Protein backbone atom coordinates (compact mmCIF):
# COMPACT_ATOMS: atom_id res chain seq x y z
CA MET A 1 25.72 -18.78 13.84
CA GLN A 2 22.66 -21.14 13.89
CA ASN A 3 22.16 -23.44 10.96
CA SER A 4 18.91 -22.15 9.20
CA THR A 5 19.15 -24.28 6.28
CA ILE A 6 15.79 -26.02 5.29
CA PRO A 7 16.12 -29.55 3.68
CA ALA A 8 14.93 -29.62 0.10
CA ASN A 9 12.57 -32.43 0.98
CA ALA A 10 10.94 -30.70 4.07
CA PRO A 11 7.37 -29.64 3.69
CA LEU A 12 6.91 -26.04 4.17
CA GLU A 13 3.48 -24.93 5.56
CA ASN A 14 3.59 -21.35 4.30
CA ASP A 15 5.77 -18.57 3.39
CA SER A 16 5.88 -17.18 7.03
CA GLU A 17 8.01 -20.27 7.94
CA ILE A 18 10.51 -19.42 5.08
CA TRP A 19 10.54 -15.72 5.96
CA ALA A 20 11.15 -16.46 9.59
CA SER A 21 14.14 -18.60 8.75
CA LEU A 22 15.60 -16.11 6.24
CA LYS A 23 15.18 -13.27 8.67
CA SER A 24 16.99 -15.15 11.37
CA ALA A 25 19.83 -16.05 9.15
CA ILE A 26 20.08 -12.50 7.83
CA ALA A 27 19.82 -11.00 11.18
CA ALA A 28 22.87 -12.93 12.40
CA SER A 29 24.95 -12.27 9.24
CA SER A 30 28.05 -10.01 9.77
CA GLY A 31 27.01 -8.13 6.67
CA PHE A 32 23.70 -7.18 8.17
CA LYS A 33 25.15 -6.29 11.60
CA ARG A 34 27.62 -4.07 9.73
CA TRP A 35 24.93 -2.50 7.76
CA GLN A 36 23.00 -1.90 10.93
CA GLN A 37 25.89 0.06 12.44
CA PHE A 38 26.43 2.40 9.54
CA ASP A 39 23.72 2.66 6.71
CA GLY A 40 20.96 1.02 8.59
CA GLN A 41 21.03 3.83 11.29
CA VAL A 42 20.37 6.50 8.82
CA ILE A 43 18.14 4.70 6.28
CA CYS A 44 15.93 2.64 8.66
CA GLN A 45 16.03 4.53 11.96
CA GLY A 46 13.29 3.43 14.26
CA LYS A 47 12.07 0.55 12.24
CA ASN A 48 11.50 -3.02 13.69
CA LEU A 49 13.70 -5.81 12.64
CA ASP A 50 11.49 -7.04 10.06
CA GLN A 51 11.59 -3.70 8.44
CA GLN A 52 15.28 -3.20 8.88
CA ILE A 53 15.85 -6.54 7.10
CA ARG A 54 13.50 -5.70 4.24
CA CYS A 55 15.36 -2.28 3.80
CA TYR A 56 18.78 -4.06 3.97
CA LEU A 57 17.80 -6.45 1.35
CA SER A 58 16.50 -3.63 -0.93
CA GLU A 59 19.65 -1.57 -0.59
CA THR A 60 21.70 -4.79 -1.23
CA LEU A 61 19.86 -5.62 -4.30
CA ASN A 62 20.02 -2.10 -5.63
CA THR A 63 23.62 -2.07 -5.19
CA LEU A 64 24.16 -5.40 -7.08
CA ALA A 65 21.81 -4.06 -9.76
CA TYR A 66 24.02 -0.88 -10.19
C-alpha cells in the first residue's frame, strides 16, 4: 500500500488535496475492498469511486455509532 501520510508541518493548499490523499488510502484498504465486494455492490451500485468511498464512510460511521 502506498504511504499516504501527510506530514504535520506540510502546508496544505486546500481540502481537495486532503480528500485526494484520504480517498487513495481508503480505496487501497482491505476493509474498503471487502466492503465493495459485498455491501457496496448493493448499496452503492453504479456510483463512481468518490461516491462509493463516501457511502463506505457513512456506513462505517453508522455502524460505529450503533
